[in-house]
Amino acid sequence: MPSQPPREIHIDEILRAGQKAEPGMSDTTFEPSVNGMPLESDVAKFLARWLDNILRIPGTDFKIGLDPILALFPGFGSTIASGGGLIILIEAVRSRVSVPVLMHMAFNLFINTLFDYIPALGPVASAFFKSNSRNLRLLQDWQAGHHENVKRSTWRLFLVLGCIIAVLIGMLAGLFALYVWLLANLFHGPSIP
């Protein structure tokens, strides 16, 4: 049986995630990745931890991060905290997160930013809402391949928001109709038979 010549190795050859090298190649395996990025984004984990969970309140298991502390400085602090949250969104874009999920993440960041501008109560709400940790969970679930679960939770959020908006529009329409009716009765007065 003739021996086969050694396999020619190409420098630019790419192995699939988890694929072992063949004989003649260096004996290494590659960690699973999405588009060349590791599954877990160290930058997103670092930011979410620092912005949402870096300090434990003594005597409790509750943690706060720099986000609610920075919110105590209106404008400047909120801008810095939101900038950190935007970096997590950029990581999501790099991981090719779908547009609806990206909108879900942007909505979380927007709500947190709104909290930051409410005097006194805003930082407290921000400490409980933890938008960066929520966005990190969505990103990690997406990177782990749980696309359908992430999309389902996103569509549930959009459905709830749609229902809230529909109720608000209905209430505004009802108030407008009441206003028109009151104005009509005010100017015409009661009708005399």
N, C-alpha and C. Protein backbone atom coordinates (compact mmCIF):
# COMPACT_ATOMS: atom_id res chain seq x y z
N MET A 1 0.84 -1.16 0.00
CA MET A 1 0.00 0.00 0.00
C MET A 1 0.89 1.23 0.00
N PRO A 2 0.75 2.06 -1.05
CA PRO A 2 1.62 3.23 -1.12
C PRO A 2 1.19 4.28 -0.09
N SER A 3 2.19 4.94 0.46
CA SER A 3 1.87 6.00 1.43
C SER A 3 1.46 7.28 0.69
N GLN A 4 0.55 7.99 1.32
CA GLN A 4 0.07 9.23 0.71
C GLN A 4 1.03 10.36 1.06
N PRO A 5 1.20 11.27 0.12
CA PRO A 5 2.08 12.40 0.43
C PRO A 5 1.43 13.26 1.51
N PRO A 6 2.24 13.93 2.31
CA PRO A 6 1.67 14.80 3.34
C PRO A 6 0.79 15.86 2.71
N ARG A 7 -0.26 16.18 3.43
CA ARG A 7 -1.22 17.18 2.95
C ARG A 7 -0.56 18.55 2.95
N GLU A 8 -0.79 19.28 1.86
CA GLU A 8 -0.23 20.62 1.76
C GLU A 8 -1.05 21.56 2.67
N ILE A 9 -0.38 22.36 3.45
CA ILE A 9 -1.03 23.27 4.37
C ILE A 9 -1.02 24.67 3.77
N HIS A 10 -2.19 25.28 3.75
CA HIS A 10 -2.31 26.65 3.27
C HIS A 10 -2.41 27.57 4.48
N ILE A 11 -1.62 28.60 4.48
CA ILE A 11 -1.56 29.52 5.60
C ILE A 11 -2.94 30.12 5.90
N ASP A 12 -3.69 30.46 4.90
CA ASP A 12 -4.97 31.14 5.08
C ASP A 12 -6.14 30.18 5.24
N GLU A 13 -5.86 28.91 5.43
CA GLU A 13 -6.93 27.93 5.56
C GLU A 13 -7.69 28.16 6.87
N ILE A 14 -9.00 28.09 6.79
CA ILE A 14 -9.85 28.35 7.95
C ILE A 14 -10.53 27.05 8.37
N LEU A 15 -10.46 26.76 9.66
CA LEU A 15 -11.15 25.60 10.19
C LEU A 15 -12.48 26.05 10.79
N ARG A 16 -13.47 25.21 10.71
CA ARG A 16 -14.76 25.52 11.34
C ARG A 16 -14.60 25.44 12.86
N ALA A 17 -15.53 26.08 13.57
CA ALA A 17 -15.50 26.08 15.02
C ALA A 17 -15.53 24.64 15.52
N GLY A 18 -14.60 24.28 16.38
CA GLY A 18 -14.55 22.95 16.97
C GLY A 18 -13.89 21.91 16.09
N GLN A 19 -13.56 22.24 14.84
CA GLN A 19 -12.95 21.27 13.92
C GLN A 19 -11.51 21.04 14.33
N LYS A 20 -11.11 19.76 14.37
CA LYS A 20 -9.73 19.42 14.71
C LYS A 20 -8.88 19.45 13.45
N ALA A 21 -7.65 19.76 13.68
CA ALA A 21 -6.71 19.80 12.57
C ALA A 21 -6.47 18.38 12.07
N GLU A 22 -6.26 18.26 10.79
CA GLU A 22 -5.97 16.95 10.19
C GLU A 22 -4.49 16.65 10.36
N PRO A 23 -4.11 15.37 10.19
CA PRO A 23 -2.69 15.06 10.28
C PRO A 23 -1.88 15.91 9.30
N GLY A 24 -0.77 16.37 9.75
CA GLY A 24 0.05 17.23 8.90
C GLY A 24 -0.16 18.70 9.24
N MET A 25 -1.21 18.98 9.95
CA MET A 25 -1.47 20.36 10.39
C MET A 25 -1.14 20.42 11.87
N SER A 26 -1.07 21.63 12.41
CA SER A 26 -0.80 21.73 13.85
C SER A 26 -2.00 21.18 14.59
N ASP A 27 -1.78 20.48 15.69
CA ASP A 27 -2.85 19.81 16.42
C ASP A 27 -3.51 20.76 17.42
N THR A 28 -4.41 21.58 16.93
CA THR A 28 -5.13 22.52 17.80
C THR A 28 -6.61 22.47 17.48
N THR A 29 -7.37 22.88 18.43
CA THR A 29 -8.81 23.05 18.19
C THR A 29 -9.13 24.52 18.43
N PHE A 30 -10.21 24.94 17.85
CA PHE A 30 -10.58 26.34 17.96
C PHE A 30 -11.84 26.46 18.79
N GLU A 31 -11.90 27.51 19.60
CA GLU A 31 -13.08 27.76 20.41
C GLU A 31 -14.22 28.19 19.51
N PRO A 32 -15.47 27.83 19.87
CA PRO A 32 -16.60 28.28 19.08
C PRO A 32 -16.66 29.80 19.04
N SER A 33 -16.98 30.32 17.87
CA SER A 33 -17.07 31.76 17.73
C SER A 33 -18.14 32.11 16.72
N VAL A 34 -18.55 33.36 16.74
CA VAL A 34 -19.49 33.88 15.76
C VAL A 34 -18.74 34.93 14.97
N ASN A 35 -18.56 34.68 13.69
CA ASN A 35 -17.85 35.60 12.81
C ASN A 35 -16.48 35.97 13.35
N GLY A 36 -15.78 34.99 13.90
CA GLY A 36 -14.44 35.21 14.39
C GLY A 36 -14.37 35.81 15.79
N MET A 37 -15.52 36.16 16.38
CA MET A 37 -15.53 36.73 17.73
C MET A 37 -15.82 35.63 18.72
N PRO A 38 -15.21 35.66 19.91
CA PRO A 38 -15.55 34.67 20.91
C PRO A 38 -17.02 34.79 21.28
N LEU A 39 -17.63 33.66 21.70
CA LEU A 39 -19.05 33.68 22.02
C LEU A 39 -19.39 34.69 23.11
N GLU A 40 -18.59 34.82 24.10
CA GLU A 40 -18.87 35.76 25.18
C GLU A 40 -18.02 37.00 24.96
N SER A 41 -18.65 38.13 24.90
CA SER A 41 -17.94 39.38 24.71
C SER A 41 -17.42 39.87 26.05
N ASP A 42 -16.11 39.90 26.18
CA ASP A 42 -15.50 40.37 27.43
C ASP A 42 -15.79 41.84 27.67
N VAL A 43 -15.84 42.63 26.61
CA VAL A 43 -16.12 44.06 26.75
C VAL A 43 -17.52 44.26 27.30
N ALA A 44 -18.50 43.57 26.72
CA ALA A 44 -19.89 43.72 27.18
C ALA A 44 -20.04 43.24 28.62
N LYS A 45 -19.39 42.12 28.97
CA LYS A 45 -19.46 41.62 30.35
C LYS A 45 -18.83 42.61 31.32
N PHE A 46 -17.70 43.17 30.96
CA PHE A 46 -17.01 44.14 31.80
C PHE A 46 -17.88 45.37 32.03
N LEU A 47 -18.44 45.91 30.95
CA LEU A 47 -19.27 47.12 31.07
C LEU A 47 -20.54 46.86 31.87
N ALA A 48 -21.21 45.75 31.60
CA ALA A 48 -22.45 45.44 32.32
C ALA A 48 -22.15 45.28 33.82
N ARG A 49 -21.05 44.66 34.14
CA ARG A 49 -20.71 44.47 35.56
C ARG A 49 -20.43 45.81 36.23
N TRP A 50 -19.61 46.64 35.59
CA TRP A 50 -19.25 47.92 36.19
C TRP A 50 -20.43 48.89 36.23
N LEU A 51 -21.26 48.88 35.22
CA LEU A 51 -22.38 49.83 35.19
C LEU A 51 -23.56 49.39 36.05
N ASP A 52 -23.71 48.07 36.28
CA ASP A 52 -24.92 47.60 36.99
C ASP A 52 -24.65 46.86 38.29
N ASN A 53 -23.50 46.22 38.47
CA ASN A 53 -23.35 45.29 39.61
C ASN A 53 -21.99 45.32 40.30
N ILE A 54 -21.30 46.42 40.33
CA ILE A 54 -19.95 46.40 40.87
C ILE A 54 -19.91 46.52 42.40
N LEU A 55 -20.88 47.20 43.00
CA LEU A 55 -20.86 47.42 44.45
C LEU A 55 -22.03 46.71 45.12
N ARG A 56 -21.71 45.94 46.17
CA ARG A 56 -22.77 45.29 46.94
C ARG A 56 -23.14 46.20 48.11
N ILE A 57 -24.45 46.38 48.30
CA ILE A 57 -24.91 47.19 49.43
C ILE A 57 -24.71 46.35 50.69
N PRO A 58 -23.98 46.90 51.68
CA PRO A 58 -23.67 46.13 52.89
C PRO A 58 -24.93 45.59 53.58
N GLY A 59 -24.86 44.34 54.00
CA GLY A 59 -25.97 43.70 54.69
C GLY A 59 -27.03 43.13 53.77
N THR A 60 -26.85 43.28 52.46
CA THR A 60 -27.83 42.75 51.50
C THR A 60 -27.08 42.02 50.38
N ASP A 61 -27.85 41.37 49.53
CA ASP A 61 -27.28 40.77 48.32
C ASP A 61 -27.48 41.66 47.11
N PHE A 62 -28.06 42.85 47.31
CA PHE A 62 -28.37 43.76 46.22
C PHE A 62 -27.11 44.50 45.79
N LYS A 63 -26.90 44.56 44.48
CA LYS A 63 -25.73 45.23 43.94
C LYS A 63 -26.16 46.41 43.08
N ILE A 64 -25.34 47.45 43.10
CA ILE A 64 -25.53 48.58 42.20
C ILE A 64 -24.24 48.79 41.45
N GLY A 65 -24.34 49.55 40.38
CA GLY A 65 -23.16 49.84 39.59
C GLY A 65 -22.93 51.33 39.50
N LEU A 66 -22.09 51.70 38.57
CA LEU A 66 -21.77 53.11 38.39
C LEU A 66 -22.90 53.88 37.72
N ASP A 67 -23.78 53.20 37.01
CA ASP A 67 -24.86 53.87 36.28
C ASP A 67 -25.73 54.72 37.21
N PRO A 68 -26.31 54.16 38.30
CA PRO A 68 -27.12 55.02 39.17
C PRO A 68 -26.30 56.07 39.91
N ILE A 69 -25.04 55.78 40.16
CA ILE A 69 -24.18 56.78 40.83
C ILE A 69 -23.90 57.94 39.88
N LEU A 70 -23.58 57.62 38.63
CA LEU A 70 -23.33 58.66 37.64
C LEU A 70 -24.59 59.47 37.36
N ALA A 71 -25.77 58.85 37.50
CA ALA A 71 -27.03 59.56 37.25
C ALA A 71 -27.26 60.68 38.26
N LEU A 72 -26.53 60.65 39.37
CA LEU A 72 -26.64 61.73 40.35
C LEU A 72 -26.07 63.04 39.80
N PHE A 73 -25.29 62.95 38.73
CA PHE A 73 -24.74 64.13 38.06
C PHE A 73 -25.46 64.30 36.73
N PRO A 74 -26.59 65.03 36.72
CA PRO A 74 -27.43 65.13 35.50
C PRO A 74 -26.62 65.59 34.29
N GLY A 75 -26.95 65.04 33.17
CA GLY A 75 -26.30 65.39 31.91
C GLY A 75 -24.97 64.69 31.75
N PHE A 76 -23.98 65.10 32.48
CA PHE A 76 -22.62 64.57 32.35
C PHE A 76 -22.56 63.08 32.71
N GLY A 77 -23.05 62.72 33.90
CA GLY A 77 -22.99 61.34 34.35
C GLY A 77 -23.85 60.42 33.50
N SER A 78 -25.04 60.91 33.14
CA SER A 78 -25.95 60.10 32.31
C SER A 78 -25.36 59.84 30.94
N THR A 79 -24.66 60.84 30.40
CA THR A 79 -24.04 60.68 29.09
C THR A 79 -22.95 59.62 29.13
N ILE A 80 -22.15 59.62 30.18
CA ILE A 80 -21.09 58.61 30.31
C ILE A 80 -21.69 57.22 30.45
N ALA A 81 -22.72 57.08 31.31
CA ALA A 81 -23.34 55.77 31.51
C ALA A 81 -24.00 55.27 30.23
N SER A 82 -24.69 56.17 29.51
CA SER A 82 -25.34 55.76 28.26
C SER A 82 -24.31 55.39 27.21
N GLY A 83 -23.15 56.06 27.22
CA GLY A 83 -22.08 55.71 26.29
C GLY A 83 -21.58 54.29 26.51
N GLY A 84 -21.48 53.90 27.78
CA GLY A 84 -21.10 52.52 28.08
C GLY A 84 -22.14 51.53 27.57
N GLY A 85 -23.42 51.88 27.73
CA GLY A 85 -24.49 51.03 27.22
C GLY A 85 -24.47 50.93 25.70
N LEU A 86 -24.09 52.02 25.04
CA LEU A 86 -23.99 52.00 23.57
C LEU A 86 -22.91 51.03 23.09
N ILE A 87 -21.84 50.90 23.86
CA ILE A 87 -20.78 49.97 23.48
C ILE A 87 -21.32 48.54 23.49
N ILE A 88 -22.20 48.22 24.44
CA ILE A 88 -22.82 46.89 24.45
C ILE A 88 -23.67 46.71 23.20
N LEU A 89 -24.38 47.77 22.78
CA LEU A 89 -25.16 47.69 21.53
C LEU A 89 -24.25 47.47 20.32
N ILE A 90 -23.10 48.11 20.31
CA ILE A 90 -22.15 47.93 19.21
C ILE A 90 -21.67 46.48 19.18
N GLU A 91 -21.43 45.90 20.36
CA GLU A 91 -21.06 44.48 20.42
C GLU A 91 -22.17 43.61 19.82
N ALA A 92 -23.43 43.99 20.08
CA ALA A 92 -24.56 43.24 19.53
C ALA A 92 -24.59 43.35 18.01
N VAL A 93 -24.31 44.53 17.48
CA VAL A 93 -24.25 44.71 16.02
C VAL A 93 -23.14 43.86 15.44
N ARG A 94 -22.00 43.83 16.09
CA ARG A 94 -20.88 43.01 15.61
C ARG A 94 -21.22 41.53 15.64
N SER A 95 -22.10 41.12 16.55
CA SER A 95 -22.52 39.72 16.63
C SER A 95 -23.68 39.41 15.71
N ARG A 96 -24.07 40.38 14.91
CA ARG A 96 -25.15 40.23 13.92
C ARG A 96 -26.49 39.87 14.58
N VAL A 97 -26.78 40.54 15.68
CA VAL A 97 -28.07 40.38 16.34
C VAL A 97 -29.14 40.93 15.40
N SER A 98 -30.30 40.28 15.36
CA SER A 98 -31.36 40.72 14.45
C SER A 98 -31.85 42.12 14.83
N VAL A 99 -32.44 42.81 13.86
CA VAL A 99 -32.90 44.18 14.08
C VAL A 99 -33.93 44.28 15.21
N PRO A 100 -34.95 43.40 15.27
CA PRO A 100 -35.90 43.52 16.39
C PRO A 100 -35.23 43.36 17.76
N VAL A 101 -34.28 42.45 17.87
CA VAL A 101 -33.58 42.26 19.15
C VAL A 101 -32.72 43.48 19.46
N LEU A 102 -32.09 44.04 18.44
CA LEU A 102 -31.31 45.26 18.63
C LEU A 102 -32.22 46.40 19.08
N MET A 103 -33.43 46.48 18.53
CA MET A 103 -34.39 47.50 18.97
C MET A 103 -34.80 47.27 20.42
N HIS A 104 -34.95 46.00 20.81
CA HIS A 104 -35.26 45.67 22.20
C HIS A 104 -34.15 46.18 23.12
N MET A 105 -32.91 45.95 22.73
CA MET A 105 -31.77 46.40 23.53
C MET A 105 -31.73 47.93 23.58
N ALA A 106 -31.98 48.57 22.45
CA ALA A 106 -31.98 50.04 22.42
C ALA A 106 -33.11 50.59 23.30
N PHE A 107 -34.25 49.90 23.31
CA PHE A 107 -35.37 50.32 24.16
C PHE A 107 -34.97 50.22 25.64
N ASN A 108 -34.31 49.14 26.03
CA ASN A 108 -33.83 49.00 27.41
C ASN A 108 -32.91 50.17 27.78
N LEU A 109 -31.99 50.50 26.89
CA LEU A 109 -31.05 51.59 27.14
C LEU A 109 -31.79 52.93 27.21
N PHE A 110 -32.78 53.12 26.35
CA PHE A 110 -33.57 54.36 26.33
C PHE A 110 -34.33 54.54 27.64
N ILE A 111 -34.97 53.46 28.12
CA ILE A 111 -35.71 53.53 29.39
C ILE A 111 -34.76 53.89 30.53
N ASN A 112 -33.60 53.26 30.56
CA ASN A 112 -32.62 53.55 31.60
C ASN A 112 -32.16 55.00 31.53
N THR A 113 -31.96 55.51 30.32
CA THR A 113 -31.54 56.90 30.15
C THR A 113 -32.64 57.85 30.64
N LEU A 114 -33.90 57.51 30.36
CA LEU A 114 -35.01 58.33 30.87
C LEU A 114 -35.01 58.35 32.40
N PHE A 115 -34.76 57.20 33.01
CA PHE A 115 -34.69 57.14 34.48
C PHE A 115 -33.62 58.09 35.00
N ASP A 116 -32.50 58.16 34.30
CA ASP A 116 -31.38 58.98 34.76
C ASP A 116 -31.74 60.46 34.84
N TYR A 117 -32.74 60.89 34.09
CA TYR A 117 -33.10 62.31 34.08
C TYR A 117 -34.23 62.65 35.06
N ILE A 118 -34.72 61.68 35.82
CA ILE A 118 -35.74 61.94 36.84
C ILE A 118 -35.00 62.25 38.14
N PRO A 119 -35.17 63.46 38.67
CA PRO A 119 -34.44 63.79 39.90
C PRO A 119 -34.80 62.86 41.05
N ALA A 120 -33.84 62.49 41.83
CA ALA A 120 -33.95 61.68 43.05
C ALA A 120 -34.41 60.24 42.78
N LEU A 121 -35.56 60.03 42.17
CA LEU A 121 -36.07 58.68 41.95
C LEU A 121 -35.42 57.97 40.77
N GLY A 122 -34.89 58.72 39.81
CA GLY A 122 -34.29 58.13 38.62
C GLY A 122 -33.14 57.19 38.91
N PRO A 123 -32.15 57.61 39.72
CA PRO A 123 -31.05 56.70 40.02
C PRO A 123 -31.51 55.43 40.74
N VAL A 124 -32.54 55.55 41.58
CA VAL A 124 -33.06 54.36 42.27
C VAL A 124 -33.68 53.41 41.26
N ALA A 125 -34.50 53.95 40.34
CA ALA A 125 -35.12 53.12 39.31
C ALA A 125 -34.05 52.48 38.42
N SER A 126 -33.01 53.25 38.11
CA SER A 126 -31.92 52.72 37.28
C SER A 126 -31.19 51.58 37.98
N ALA A 127 -31.04 51.68 39.30
CA ALA A 127 -30.36 50.63 40.06
C ALA A 127 -31.15 49.33 40.02
N PHE A 128 -32.48 49.41 39.94
CA PHE A 128 -33.31 48.20 39.88
C PHE A 128 -33.50 47.71 38.45
N PHE A 129 -33.56 48.61 37.47
CA PHE A 129 -33.83 48.21 36.08
C PHE A 129 -32.66 47.49 35.45
N LYS A 130 -31.43 47.96 35.65
CA LYS A 130 -30.20 47.34 35.17
C LYS A 130 -30.25 47.00 33.66
N SER A 131 -30.38 48.03 32.85
CA SER A 131 -30.50 47.83 31.41
C SER A 131 -29.29 47.15 30.80
N ASN A 132 -28.11 47.43 31.30
CA ASN A 132 -26.90 46.84 30.71
C ASN A 132 -26.84 45.34 30.97
N SER A 133 -27.26 44.91 32.15
CA SER A 133 -27.30 43.47 32.43
C SER A 133 -28.37 42.79 31.59
N ARG A 134 -29.51 43.46 31.39
CA ARG A 134 -30.55 42.91 30.52
C ARG A 134 -30.02 42.74 29.10
N ASN A 135 -29.34 43.77 28.61
CA ASN A 135 -28.81 43.71 27.25
C ASN A 135 -27.71 42.66 27.12
N LEU A 136 -26.90 42.51 28.16
CA LEU A 136 -25.87 41.47 28.13
C LEU A 136 -26.51 40.09 28.05
N ARG A 137 -27.58 39.86 28.82
CA ARG A 137 -28.27 38.57 28.77
C ARG A 137 -28.82 38.30 27.37
N LEU A 138 -29.44 39.32 26.76
CA LEU A 138 -29.95 39.15 25.39
C LEU A 138 -28.81 38.82 24.43
N LEU A 139 -27.69 39.54 24.56
CA LEU A 139 -26.54 39.30 23.68
C LEU A 139 -25.97 37.90 23.89
N GLN A 140 -25.81 37.48 25.13
CA GLN A 140 -25.26 36.15 25.41
C GLN A 140 -26.19 35.05 24.91
N ASP A 141 -27.49 35.23 25.11
CA ASP A 141 -28.44 34.23 24.61
C ASP A 141 -28.38 34.15 23.09
N TRP A 142 -28.26 35.31 22.43
CA TRP A 142 -28.17 35.32 20.97
C TRP A 142 -26.89 34.62 20.51
N GLN A 143 -25.76 34.94 21.16
CA GLN A 143 -24.49 34.35 20.77
C GLN A 143 -24.45 32.85 21.05
N ALA A 144 -25.22 32.40 22.05
CA ALA A 144 -25.25 30.98 22.37
C ALA A 144 -26.14 30.21 21.39
N GLY A 145 -26.80 30.91 20.49
CA GLY A 145 -27.62 30.24 19.48
C GLY A 145 -29.09 30.12 19.84
N HIS A 146 -29.53 30.78 20.89
CA HIS A 146 -30.94 30.73 21.30
C HIS A 146 -31.72 31.84 20.60
N HIS A 147 -31.59 31.91 19.28
CA HIS A 147 -32.18 33.00 18.50
C HIS A 147 -33.70 33.05 18.64
N GLU A 148 -34.35 31.90 18.58
CA GLU A 148 -35.82 31.89 18.63
C GLU A 148 -36.34 32.38 19.98
N ASN A 149 -35.68 31.97 21.08
CA ASN A 149 -36.11 32.43 22.42
C ASN A 149 -35.95 33.93 22.56
N VAL A 150 -34.84 34.45 22.06
CA VAL A 150 -34.59 35.89 22.16
C VAL A 150 -35.60 36.65 21.30
N LYS A 151 -35.86 36.15 20.09
CA LYS A 151 -36.84 36.81 19.22
C LYS A 151 -38.23 36.77 19.85
N ARG A 152 -38.58 35.62 20.46
CA ARG A 152 -39.90 35.49 21.09
C ARG A 152 -40.07 36.50 22.22
N SER A 153 -39.07 36.64 23.08
CA SER A 153 -39.18 37.60 24.18
C SER A 153 -39.24 39.03 23.64
N THR A 154 -38.54 39.28 22.54
CA THR A 154 -38.58 40.61 21.94
C THR A 154 -39.96 40.91 21.38
N TRP A 155 -40.56 39.94 20.70
CA TRP A 155 -41.90 40.18 20.14
C TRP A 155 -42.94 40.33 21.25
N ARG A 156 -42.75 39.63 22.37
CA ARG A 156 -43.65 39.83 23.52
C ARG A 156 -43.55 41.26 24.03
N LEU A 157 -42.34 41.78 24.13
CA LEU A 157 -42.15 43.16 24.57
C LEU A 157 -42.86 44.11 23.61
N PHE A 158 -42.67 43.91 22.30
CA PHE A 158 -43.31 44.79 21.32
C PHE A 158 -44.83 44.68 21.40
N LEU A 159 -45.35 43.48 21.67
CA LEU A 159 -46.79 43.31 21.80
C LEU A 159 -47.32 44.08 23.01
N VAL A 160 -46.63 43.98 24.14
CA VAL A 160 -47.04 44.71 25.34
C VAL A 160 -46.96 46.21 25.09
N LEU A 161 -45.88 46.67 24.47
CA LEU A 161 -45.76 48.10 24.16
C LEU A 161 -46.85 48.55 23.21
N GLY A 162 -47.17 47.72 22.22
CA GLY A 162 -48.25 48.05 21.29
C GLY A 162 -49.58 48.17 22.00
N CYS A 163 -49.85 47.26 22.94
CA CYS A 163 -51.10 47.32 23.70
C CYS A 163 -51.15 48.58 24.56
N ILE A 164 -50.03 48.93 25.19
CA ILE A 164 -49.99 50.15 26.01
C ILE A 164 -50.24 51.37 25.15
N ILE A 165 -49.60 51.43 23.99
CA ILE A 165 -49.79 52.57 23.08
C ILE A 165 -51.23 52.62 22.60
N ALA A 166 -51.83 51.46 22.28
CA ALA A 166 -53.22 51.43 21.82
C ALA A 166 -54.16 51.93 22.92
N VAL A 167 -53.91 51.52 24.16
CA VAL A 167 -54.75 51.99 25.28
C VAL A 167 -54.60 53.50 25.45
N LEU A 168 -53.36 54.00 25.38
CA LEU A 168 -53.14 55.44 25.51
C LEU A 168 -53.82 56.22 24.39
N ILE A 169 -53.73 55.73 23.17
CA ILE A 169 -54.40 56.39 22.05
C ILE A 169 -55.91 56.35 22.25
N GLY A 170 -56.44 55.21 22.72
CA GLY A 170 -57.88 55.11 23.00
C GLY A 170 -58.30 56.10 24.08
N MET A 171 -57.48 56.22 25.12
CA MET A 171 -57.80 57.17 26.20
C MET A 171 -57.77 58.61 25.67
N LEU A 172 -56.77 58.94 24.86
CA LEU A 172 -56.70 60.28 24.28
C LEU A 172 -57.89 60.56 23.37
N ALA A 173 -58.28 59.56 22.57
CA ALA A 173 -59.43 59.74 21.70
C ALA A 173 -60.70 59.94 22.53
N GLY A 174 -60.84 59.17 23.61
CA GLY A 174 -62.01 59.33 24.49
C GLY A 174 -62.03 60.69 25.16
N LEU A 175 -60.88 61.15 25.63
CA LEU A 175 -60.80 62.48 26.25
C LEU A 175 -61.09 63.58 25.23
N PHE A 176 -60.61 63.42 24.01
CA PHE A 176 -60.89 64.40 22.97
C PHE A 176 -62.38 64.45 22.66
N ALA A 177 -63.02 63.27 22.57
CA ALA A 177 -64.46 63.23 22.32
C ALA A 177 -65.23 63.89 23.47
N LEU A 178 -64.81 63.63 24.70
CA LEU A 178 -65.45 64.27 25.86
C LEU A 178 -65.26 65.77 25.82
N TYR A 179 -64.09 66.23 25.46
CA TYR A 179 -63.79 67.66 25.35
C TYR A 179 -64.68 68.31 24.29
N VAL A 180 -64.78 67.69 23.13
CA VAL A 180 -65.64 68.22 22.06
C VAL A 180 -67.10 68.26 22.53
N TRP A 181 -67.57 67.22 23.19
CA TRP A 181 -68.95 67.17 23.68
C TRP A 181 -69.20 68.28 24.71
N LEU A 182 -68.24 68.47 25.64
CA LEU A 182 -68.38 69.53 26.65
C LEU A 182 -68.40 70.90 26.00
N LEU A 183 -67.52 71.13 25.03
CA LEU A 183 -67.52 72.42 24.33
C LEU A 183 -68.83 72.65 23.58
N ALA A 184 -69.34 71.61 22.93
CA ALA A 184 -70.60 71.73 22.19
C ALA A 184 -71.74 72.06 23.15
N ASN A 185 -71.79 71.44 24.30
CA ASN A 185 -72.86 71.71 25.27
C ASN A 185 -72.67 73.08 25.93
N LEU A 186 -71.45 73.52 26.11
CA LEU A 186 -71.18 74.80 26.74
C LEU A 186 -71.65 75.94 25.86
N PHE A 187 -71.37 75.88 24.56
CA PHE A 187 -71.73 76.97 23.66
C PHE A 187 -73.20 76.93 23.22
N HIS A 188 -73.78 75.78 23.15
CA HIS A 188 -75.16 75.69 22.71
C HIS A 188 -76.13 75.71 23.87
N GLY A 189 -75.64 75.44 25.03
CA GLY A 189 -76.50 75.44 26.20
C GLY A 189 -77.52 74.32 26.11
N PRO A 190 -78.28 74.14 27.16
CA PRO A 190 -79.28 73.09 27.11
C PRO A 190 -80.40 73.48 26.12
N SER A 191 -80.86 72.52 25.41
CA SER A 191 -81.94 72.79 24.44
C SER A 191 -83.27 72.88 25.15
N ILE A 192 -84.10 73.87 24.75
CA ILE A 192 -85.41 74.07 25.36
C ILE A 192 -86.46 73.48 24.42
N PRO A 193 -87.32 72.61 24.95
CA PRO A 193 -88.32 71.98 24.05
C PRO A 193 -89.44 72.94 23.69
